Each structure stands twice: as C-alpha cells, then as structure tokens.
Amino acid sequence: RVWLPRPPGLPGQRTVQAPAPIAPPPRCRVLVVDDNRDAAETTALYLELEGHEVKAVGDGLQALACAKVFAPDVLVLDIGLPLMDGYELARRLRALGATADSLFIAVTGYGQPEDKAATREAGFDAHLVKPVDPSELLRLIGEWHERARARERGGRAS
C-alpha cells in the first residue's frame, strides 16, 4: 500500500489553522561574566540563540573594560570571580553611566538567605542559583525589557 496526501478541498478533509505568530523576544546587549569558561560560553551561546548580542569575559577587570565600550543592557555576573568578586564588580558597574540602569543578575552557587541579601545590597536585581534554568534567565530579561519600555513610553508622554 502507498499512502498519498489527499488533494485540498475533498470531502472529509479538516482545515488546520496555523498558530498565531509569536512576537520575537527583545534583543538586548548582554555581558556574561564567569571565570568558568564553559559556563560563560554556554550561557552566552544560549542567549545568542535567543537573539541577544552577547559578550562573555572571565573576570571583573575584563568586565569593567568591556562594559564601558559595549554598554550592556543586562549583566549576568558570577559572584566567585578572581581579582574582584561579583559584589564589588556590581557596585562598580552600577556607578558607570553606561550600566547604571541595566539589569544585574547574580548567577552563583551561593543560595543561602544571607547570600541573597548580599547580592541585593550590592545592587543586583535578581539572584539565581546554579545550575540556572535558562527559561528563568529569559523571563527576567523579558520582564526587565518590558519595564524599560514602559518607562520610555511614560517619559515621552510627560
């Protein structure tokens, strides 16, 4: 037996409606800082596949230099970095004009309440414990992007 597709318009044929197009995700500039090269590259690749422009570096000094030029919208920072920990890095990056209003996400192995309090105190907007669920990272970026767009619309209306 050979099965062939039924020509359109024959009795008994069902019409399937195509799903509504999904809005593309917001495109952001993202700086990933992690001394674990594999973790940094994996996170960067995932975010690139989702449409973001991503740079990945391995320490705080590289991050400071990169942020001044790249001006990231989102910073994904490990806490246990060499040369300068993620807390100090976040404080310094918040002080830069290019990243003062950016989204800061701590991605770390430290997940105790005191660790989360320390990230808030350092200026982070979110604290994720490794291994990070990639959809959670995208959710945070999407929510931040929507808030930023709402602020822009509100600023133009005034």
N, C-alpha and C. Protein backbone atom coordinates (compact mmCIF):
# COMPACT_ATOMS: atom_id res chain seq x y z
N ARG A 1 0.83 -1.19 0.00
CA ARG A 1 0.00 0.00 0.00
C ARG A 1 0.87 1.24 0.00
N VAL A 2 0.43 2.22 -0.71
CA VAL A 2 1.09 3.53 -0.75
C VAL A 2 0.06 4.57 -0.32
N TRP A 3 0.42 5.40 0.63
CA TRP A 3 -0.48 6.45 1.11
C TRP A 3 -0.06 7.77 0.50
N LEU A 4 -1.00 8.41 -0.12
CA LEU A 4 -0.74 9.71 -0.73
C LEU A 4 -1.57 10.77 -0.02
N PRO A 5 -1.08 12.00 -0.01
CA PRO A 5 -1.88 13.05 0.63
C PRO A 5 -3.16 13.31 -0.16
N ARG A 6 -4.19 13.66 0.54
CA ARG A 6 -5.47 13.96 -0.08
C ARG A 6 -5.41 15.36 -0.68
N PRO A 7 -5.83 15.55 -1.90
CA PRO A 7 -5.83 16.89 -2.51
C PRO A 7 -6.74 17.83 -1.71
N PRO A 8 -6.41 19.12 -1.68
CA PRO A 8 -7.24 20.06 -0.92
C PRO A 8 -8.66 20.12 -1.47
N GLY A 9 -9.60 20.35 -0.55
CA GLY A 9 -10.98 20.58 -0.94
C GLY A 9 -11.82 19.33 -1.08
N LEU A 10 -11.28 18.16 -0.77
CA LEU A 10 -12.08 16.94 -0.85
C LEU A 10 -12.91 16.78 0.40
N PRO A 11 -14.07 16.12 0.28
CA PRO A 11 -14.92 15.92 1.46
C PRO A 11 -14.18 15.16 2.56
N GLY A 12 -14.47 15.54 3.80
CA GLY A 12 -13.86 14.86 4.94
C GLY A 12 -12.51 15.42 5.34
N GLN A 13 -12.02 16.39 4.63
CA GLN A 13 -10.71 16.96 4.96
C GLN A 13 -10.89 18.08 5.97
N ARG A 14 -10.05 18.05 6.98
CA ARG A 14 -10.09 19.09 8.01
C ARG A 14 -9.12 20.21 7.63
N THR A 15 -9.51 21.42 7.98
CA THR A 15 -8.64 22.57 7.76
C THR A 15 -7.95 22.87 9.08
N VAL A 16 -6.66 22.96 9.02
CA VAL A 16 -5.88 23.27 10.22
C VAL A 16 -5.41 24.71 10.11
N GLN A 17 -5.70 25.48 11.13
CA GLN A 17 -5.31 26.88 11.14
C GLN A 17 -3.91 27.00 11.73
N ALA A 18 -3.08 27.76 11.07
CA ALA A 18 -1.71 27.98 11.55
C ALA A 18 -1.76 28.77 12.85
N PRO A 19 -0.85 28.47 13.78
CA PRO A 19 -0.83 29.23 15.03
C PRO A 19 -0.45 30.68 14.77
N ALA A 20 -0.90 31.54 15.66
CA ALA A 20 -0.57 32.97 15.56
C ALA A 20 0.94 33.13 15.70
N PRO A 21 1.50 34.06 14.96
CA PRO A 21 2.95 34.25 15.07
C PRO A 21 3.32 34.72 16.48
N ILE A 22 4.45 34.24 16.95
CA ILE A 22 4.94 34.61 18.28
C ILE A 22 5.82 35.84 18.12
N ALA A 23 5.62 36.82 18.98
CA ALA A 23 6.43 38.03 18.93
C ALA A 23 7.88 37.66 19.22
N PRO A 24 8.81 38.24 18.49
CA PRO A 24 10.22 37.92 18.74
C PRO A 24 10.63 38.41 20.14
N PRO A 25 11.56 37.71 20.76
CA PRO A 25 11.99 38.15 22.09
C PRO A 25 12.73 39.48 21.96
N PRO A 26 12.77 40.24 23.05
CA PRO A 26 13.50 41.50 22.99
C PRO A 26 14.98 41.24 22.73
N ARG A 27 15.60 42.09 21.95
CA ARG A 27 17.03 41.95 21.68
C ARG A 27 17.76 42.90 22.63
N CYS A 28 18.63 42.33 23.44
CA CYS A 28 19.40 43.11 24.41
C CYS A 28 20.88 42.84 24.24
N ARG A 29 21.69 43.77 24.70
CA ARG A 29 23.13 43.54 24.81
C ARG A 29 23.37 42.95 26.19
N VAL A 30 23.99 41.77 26.23
CA VAL A 30 24.19 41.05 27.49
C VAL A 30 25.67 40.79 27.70
N LEU A 31 26.16 41.10 28.89
CA LEU A 31 27.53 40.79 29.29
C LEU A 31 27.49 39.67 30.31
N VAL A 32 28.13 38.55 29.99
CA VAL A 32 28.21 37.39 30.89
C VAL A 32 29.61 37.38 31.48
N VAL A 33 29.70 37.32 32.81
CA VAL A 33 30.99 37.30 33.49
C VAL A 33 31.05 36.09 34.39
N ASP A 34 31.92 35.15 34.03
CA ASP A 34 32.08 33.92 34.82
C ASP A 34 33.48 33.38 34.55
N ASP A 35 34.21 33.04 35.61
CA ASP A 35 35.56 32.50 35.44
C ASP A 35 35.55 31.05 34.97
N ASN A 36 34.40 30.40 35.04
CA ASN A 36 34.24 29.06 34.46
C ASN A 36 33.92 29.27 32.98
N ARG A 37 34.93 29.06 32.16
CA ARG A 37 34.80 29.37 30.73
C ARG A 37 33.65 28.61 30.08
N ASP A 38 33.48 27.34 30.44
CA ASP A 38 32.40 26.55 29.86
C ASP A 38 31.03 27.13 30.23
N ALA A 39 30.87 27.53 31.48
CA ALA A 39 29.60 28.11 31.92
C ALA A 39 29.33 29.43 31.20
N ALA A 40 30.36 30.26 31.08
CA ALA A 40 30.19 31.55 30.40
C ALA A 40 29.83 31.35 28.93
N GLU A 41 30.53 30.44 28.26
CA GLU A 41 30.28 30.22 26.83
C GLU A 41 28.92 29.58 26.59
N THR A 42 28.52 28.67 27.47
CA THR A 42 27.21 28.03 27.33
C THR A 42 26.09 29.05 27.51
N THR A 43 26.21 29.88 28.54
CA THR A 43 25.20 30.92 28.78
C THR A 43 25.17 31.88 27.61
N ALA A 44 26.34 32.31 27.15
CA ALA A 44 26.40 33.24 26.02
C ALA A 44 25.78 32.65 24.77
N LEU A 45 26.09 31.40 24.47
CA LEU A 45 25.54 30.75 23.28
C LEU A 45 24.02 30.66 23.36
N TYR A 46 23.51 30.27 24.51
CA TYR A 46 22.06 30.17 24.68
C TYR A 46 21.39 31.52 24.43
N LEU A 47 21.95 32.57 25.02
CA LEU A 47 21.36 33.90 24.86
C LEU A 47 21.48 34.39 23.42
N GLU A 48 22.57 34.06 22.75
CA GLU A 48 22.73 34.42 21.34
C GLU A 48 21.68 33.72 20.48
N LEU A 49 21.44 32.44 20.78
CA LEU A 49 20.42 31.69 20.04
C LEU A 49 19.03 32.30 20.23
N GLU A 50 18.83 32.98 21.34
CA GLU A 50 17.56 33.64 21.62
C GLU A 50 17.50 35.04 21.03
N GLY A 51 18.56 35.45 20.32
CA GLY A 51 18.53 36.73 19.61
C GLY A 51 19.26 37.88 20.27
N HIS A 52 19.93 37.63 21.38
CA HIS A 52 20.64 38.70 22.07
C HIS A 52 22.06 38.84 21.55
N GLU A 53 22.59 40.04 21.68
CA GLU A 53 24.01 40.29 21.37
C GLU A 53 24.78 40.08 22.68
N VAL A 54 25.73 39.16 22.69
CA VAL A 54 26.36 38.74 23.95
C VAL A 54 27.88 38.82 23.87
N LYS A 55 28.47 39.28 24.96
CA LYS A 55 29.92 39.22 25.17
C LYS A 55 30.13 38.43 26.46
N ALA A 56 31.17 37.61 26.49
CA ALA A 56 31.49 36.82 27.69
C ALA A 56 32.94 37.08 28.07
N VAL A 57 33.17 37.35 29.35
CA VAL A 57 34.52 37.56 29.87
C VAL A 57 34.70 36.76 31.15
N GLY A 58 35.97 36.62 31.59
CA GLY A 58 36.25 35.73 32.71
C GLY A 58 36.57 36.35 34.04
N ASP A 59 36.65 37.69 34.12
CA ASP A 59 36.93 38.30 35.42
C ASP A 59 36.39 39.73 35.47
N GLY A 60 36.44 40.31 36.66
CA GLY A 60 35.88 41.64 36.87
C GLY A 60 36.59 42.75 36.13
N LEU A 61 37.90 42.68 36.02
CA LEU A 61 38.64 43.73 35.32
C LEU A 61 38.28 43.74 33.83
N GLN A 62 38.17 42.55 33.23
CA GLN A 62 37.74 42.46 31.84
C GLN A 62 36.31 43.00 31.69
N ALA A 63 35.46 42.70 32.67
CA ALA A 63 34.07 43.14 32.62
C ALA A 63 33.98 44.67 32.66
N LEU A 64 34.76 45.30 33.53
CA LEU A 64 34.74 46.76 33.61
C LEU A 64 35.17 47.39 32.29
N ALA A 65 36.23 46.87 31.70
CA ALA A 65 36.72 47.41 30.43
C ALA A 65 35.69 47.19 29.32
N CYS A 66 35.10 46.02 29.27
CA CYS A 66 34.12 45.69 28.24
C CYS A 66 32.85 46.54 28.39
N ALA A 67 32.38 46.70 29.61
CA ALA A 67 31.12 47.41 29.85
C ALA A 67 31.19 48.87 29.40
N LYS A 68 32.35 49.48 29.52
CA LYS A 68 32.49 50.88 29.12
C LYS A 68 32.27 51.06 27.62
N VAL A 69 32.64 50.06 26.84
CA VAL A 69 32.52 50.13 25.38
C VAL A 69 31.22 49.48 24.90
N PHE A 70 30.89 48.31 25.44
CA PHE A 70 29.76 47.51 24.99
C PHE A 70 28.42 48.05 25.51
N ALA A 71 28.43 48.72 26.67
CA ALA A 71 27.23 49.29 27.31
C ALA A 71 26.09 48.27 27.37
N PRO A 72 26.28 47.17 28.13
CA PRO A 72 25.25 46.12 28.15
C PRO A 72 23.96 46.57 28.83
N ASP A 73 22.85 46.04 28.33
CA ASP A 73 21.54 46.24 28.95
C ASP A 73 21.39 45.30 30.15
N VAL A 74 22.01 44.12 30.03
CA VAL A 74 21.88 43.07 31.04
C VAL A 74 23.26 42.56 31.39
N LEU A 75 23.51 42.37 32.70
CA LEU A 75 24.78 41.81 33.16
C LEU A 75 24.48 40.56 33.97
N VAL A 76 25.08 39.45 33.56
CA VAL A 76 24.93 38.17 34.24
C VAL A 76 26.28 37.89 34.89
N LEU A 77 26.34 38.05 36.22
CA LEU A 77 27.61 38.00 36.92
C LEU A 77 27.70 36.85 37.91
N ASP A 78 28.80 36.11 37.82
CA ASP A 78 29.14 35.13 38.84
C ASP A 78 29.61 35.91 40.07
N ILE A 79 29.45 35.36 41.24
CA ILE A 79 29.90 36.04 42.46
C ILE A 79 31.35 35.68 42.77
N GLY A 80 31.73 34.41 42.64
CA GLY A 80 33.07 33.96 43.00
C GLY A 80 34.06 34.16 41.87
N LEU A 81 34.36 35.40 41.55
CA LEU A 81 35.28 35.73 40.46
C LEU A 81 36.70 35.98 40.98
N PRO A 82 37.72 35.73 40.17
CA PRO A 82 39.08 36.10 40.56
C PRO A 82 39.28 37.61 40.44
N LEU A 83 40.25 38.13 41.13
CA LEU A 83 40.66 39.54 41.10
C LEU A 83 39.68 40.48 41.77
N MET A 84 38.40 40.29 41.55
CA MET A 84 37.36 41.14 42.14
C MET A 84 36.08 40.32 42.18
N ASP A 85 35.48 40.19 43.37
CA ASP A 85 34.28 39.36 43.44
C ASP A 85 33.09 40.05 42.76
N GLY A 86 32.04 39.29 42.52
CA GLY A 86 30.87 39.80 41.82
C GLY A 86 30.17 40.93 42.55
N TYR A 87 30.24 40.94 43.88
CA TYR A 87 29.62 42.03 44.65
C TYR A 87 30.29 43.36 44.33
N GLU A 88 31.62 43.38 44.40
CA GLU A 88 32.37 44.61 44.11
C GLU A 88 32.20 45.00 42.65
N LEU A 89 32.21 44.02 41.77
CA LEU A 89 32.03 44.30 40.35
C LEU A 89 30.67 44.96 40.11
N ALA A 90 29.61 44.44 40.72
CA ALA A 90 28.28 45.03 40.54
C ALA A 90 28.26 46.47 41.04
N ARG A 91 28.87 46.73 42.19
CA ARG A 91 28.91 48.10 42.72
C ARG A 91 29.61 49.04 41.73
N ARG A 92 30.74 48.60 41.19
CA ARG A 92 31.49 49.44 40.26
C ARG A 92 30.73 49.65 38.95
N LEU A 93 30.10 48.60 38.47
CA LEU A 93 29.34 48.72 37.22
C LEU A 93 28.11 49.61 37.40
N ARG A 94 27.47 49.55 38.56
CA ARG A 94 26.31 50.43 38.83
C ARG A 94 26.73 51.89 38.81
N ALA A 95 27.99 52.15 39.16
CA ALA A 95 28.49 53.53 39.20
C ALA A 95 28.82 54.08 37.81
N LEU A 96 28.93 53.20 36.81
CA LEU A 96 29.20 53.65 35.44
C LEU A 96 27.92 54.17 34.81
N GLY A 97 28.02 55.22 34.07
CA GLY A 97 26.84 55.75 33.38
C GLY A 97 26.24 54.75 32.41
N ALA A 98 27.09 53.99 31.72
CA ALA A 98 26.62 53.07 30.68
C ALA A 98 25.81 51.90 31.24
N THR A 99 25.99 51.57 32.51
CA THR A 99 25.31 50.39 33.08
C THR A 99 24.50 50.71 34.33
N ALA A 100 24.34 51.97 34.65
CA ALA A 100 23.64 52.34 35.89
C ALA A 100 22.22 51.80 35.94
N ASP A 101 21.54 51.78 34.80
CA ASP A 101 20.14 51.34 34.76
C ASP A 101 19.96 49.94 34.18
N SER A 102 21.05 49.22 34.02
CA SER A 102 21.00 47.88 33.44
C SER A 102 20.41 46.87 34.44
N LEU A 103 20.04 45.71 33.92
CA LEU A 103 19.57 44.60 34.74
C LEU A 103 20.78 43.80 35.19
N PHE A 104 20.93 43.63 36.51
CA PHE A 104 22.03 42.88 37.09
C PHE A 104 21.49 41.57 37.66
N ILE A 105 22.03 40.46 37.15
CA ILE A 105 21.60 39.14 37.59
C ILE A 105 22.81 38.40 38.17
N ALA A 106 22.72 38.04 39.44
CA ALA A 106 23.75 37.21 40.07
C ALA A 106 23.47 35.75 39.72
N VAL A 107 24.48 35.08 39.19
CA VAL A 107 24.37 33.65 38.88
C VAL A 107 25.50 32.99 39.65
N THR A 108 25.13 32.22 40.68
CA THR A 108 26.14 31.75 41.62
C THR A 108 25.75 30.42 42.25
N GLY A 109 26.72 29.79 42.85
CA GLY A 109 26.48 28.57 43.60
C GLY A 109 26.01 28.86 45.02
N TYR A 110 26.07 30.12 45.43
CA TYR A 110 25.69 30.51 46.79
C TYR A 110 24.21 30.85 46.82
N GLY A 111 23.44 30.15 47.67
CA GLY A 111 21.99 30.36 47.66
C GLY A 111 21.34 30.55 49.00
N GLN A 112 22.13 30.78 50.04
CA GLN A 112 21.57 30.98 51.37
C GLN A 112 20.93 32.37 51.48
N PRO A 113 20.01 32.57 52.43
CA PRO A 113 19.37 33.89 52.57
C PRO A 113 20.38 35.04 52.71
N GLU A 114 21.47 34.80 53.43
CA GLU A 114 22.47 35.87 53.59
C GLU A 114 23.18 36.17 52.27
N ASP A 115 23.31 35.16 51.41
CA ASP A 115 23.90 35.39 50.09
C ASP A 115 22.97 36.25 49.24
N LYS A 116 21.69 35.96 49.29
CA LYS A 116 20.71 36.74 48.53
C LYS A 116 20.64 38.18 49.05
N ALA A 117 20.74 38.34 50.36
CA ALA A 117 20.74 39.70 50.93
C ALA A 117 21.98 40.46 50.47
N ALA A 118 23.11 39.78 50.40
CA ALA A 118 24.36 40.43 49.97
C ALA A 118 24.27 40.86 48.50
N THR A 119 23.63 40.06 47.66
CA THR A 119 23.51 40.47 46.26
C THR A 119 22.58 41.67 46.13
N ARG A 120 21.50 41.70 46.89
CA ARG A 120 20.61 42.88 46.86
C ARG A 120 21.36 44.12 47.30
N GLU A 121 22.13 43.98 48.38
CA GLU A 121 22.90 45.11 48.91
C GLU A 121 23.94 45.61 47.90
N ALA A 122 24.49 44.71 47.10
CA ALA A 122 25.50 45.08 46.11
C ALA A 122 24.88 45.70 44.85
N GLY A 123 23.55 45.65 44.73
CA GLY A 123 22.89 46.28 43.60
C GLY A 123 22.35 45.34 42.55
N PHE A 124 22.30 44.04 42.85
CA PHE A 124 21.74 43.09 41.90
C PHE A 124 20.21 43.18 41.92
N ASP A 125 19.61 42.93 40.76
CA ASP A 125 18.16 42.90 40.64
C ASP A 125 17.59 41.51 40.87
N ALA A 126 18.42 40.49 40.62
CA ALA A 126 17.96 39.10 40.75
C ALA A 126 19.13 38.22 41.17
N HIS A 127 18.80 37.11 41.83
CA HIS A 127 19.79 36.15 42.33
C HIS A 127 19.36 34.77 41.87
N LEU A 128 20.15 34.15 40.99
CA LEU A 128 19.86 32.80 40.51
C LEU A 128 20.95 31.85 40.99
N VAL A 129 20.54 30.67 41.43
CA VAL A 129 21.48 29.67 41.93
C VAL A 129 21.77 28.66 40.82
N LYS A 130 23.06 28.37 40.64
CA LYS A 130 23.48 27.40 39.64
C LYS A 130 23.04 26.00 40.06
N PRO A 131 22.68 25.14 39.15
CA PRO A 131 22.56 25.39 37.71
C PRO A 131 21.30 26.20 37.43
N VAL A 132 21.43 27.18 36.56
CA VAL A 132 20.34 28.10 36.26
C VAL A 132 19.44 27.51 35.18
N ASP A 133 18.15 27.65 35.41
CA ASP A 133 17.16 27.28 34.40
C ASP A 133 17.19 28.38 33.33
N PRO A 134 17.58 28.07 32.10
CA PRO A 134 17.68 29.10 31.07
C PRO A 134 16.38 29.88 30.85
N SER A 135 15.23 29.22 31.02
CA SER A 135 13.97 29.93 30.83
C SER A 135 13.78 31.00 31.90
N GLU A 136 14.33 30.78 33.08
CA GLU A 136 14.25 31.79 34.15
C GLU A 136 15.08 33.01 33.78
N LEU A 137 16.23 32.79 33.22
CA LEU A 137 17.09 33.88 32.76
C LEU A 137 16.36 34.70 31.69
N LEU A 138 15.75 34.02 30.74
CA LEU A 138 14.99 34.72 29.68
C LEU A 138 13.79 35.45 30.25
N ARG A 139 13.12 34.86 31.23
CA ARG A 139 11.97 35.52 31.86
C ARG A 139 12.39 36.83 32.51
N LEU A 140 13.50 36.80 33.25
CA LEU A 140 13.99 38.02 33.90
C LEU A 140 14.33 39.10 32.88
N ILE A 141 15.00 38.71 31.81
CA ILE A 141 15.36 39.67 30.77
C ILE A 141 14.10 40.24 30.11
N GLY A 142 13.15 39.39 29.80
CA GLY A 142 11.91 39.85 29.18
C GLY A 142 11.14 40.81 30.06
N GLU A 143 11.03 40.50 31.35
CA GLU A 143 10.31 41.39 32.29
C GLU A 143 11.02 42.73 32.41
N TRP A 144 12.36 42.69 32.51
CA TRP A 144 13.12 43.94 32.60
C TRP A 144 12.91 44.78 31.34
N HIS A 145 12.94 44.12 30.18
CA HIS A 145 12.77 44.83 28.91
C HIS A 145 11.40 45.51 28.86
N GLU A 146 10.36 44.81 29.31
CA GLU A 146 9.01 45.40 29.32
C GLU A 146 8.94 46.61 30.25
N ARG A 147 9.56 46.51 31.44
CA ARG A 147 9.57 47.64 32.37
C ARG A 147 10.32 48.83 31.77
N ALA A 148 11.44 48.55 31.10
CA ALA A 148 12.23 49.63 30.48
C ALA A 148 11.42 50.30 29.37
N ARG A 149 10.71 49.52 28.58
CA ARG A 149 9.86 50.11 27.51
C ARG A 149 8.74 50.94 28.11
N ALA A 150 8.15 50.48 29.20
CA ALA A 150 7.08 51.24 29.85
C ALA A 150 7.62 52.56 30.39
N ARG A 151 8.82 52.55 30.95
CA ARG A 151 9.43 53.80 31.44
C ARG A 151 9.67 54.76 30.29
N GLU A 152 10.14 54.23 29.15
CA GLU A 152 10.38 55.09 27.98
C GLU A 152 9.08 55.71 27.49
N ARG A 153 8.03 54.91 27.42
CA ARG A 153 6.73 55.44 26.96
C ARG A 153 6.21 56.49 27.93
N GLY A 154 6.40 56.24 29.22
CA GLY A 154 5.93 57.20 30.24
C GLY A 154 6.72 58.49 30.17
N GLY A 155 8.02 58.39 29.88
CA GLY A 155 8.86 59.58 29.79
C GLY A 155 8.51 60.44 28.60
N ARG A 156 8.08 59.82 27.49
CA ARG A 156 7.70 60.60 26.30
C ARG A 156 6.35 61.27 26.46
N ALA A 157 5.49 60.65 27.28
CA ALA A 157 4.14 61.21 27.45
C ALA A 157 4.16 62.46 28.32
N SER A 158 5.21 62.64 29.15
CA SER A 158 5.21 63.77 30.05
C SER A 158 5.62 65.04 29.38
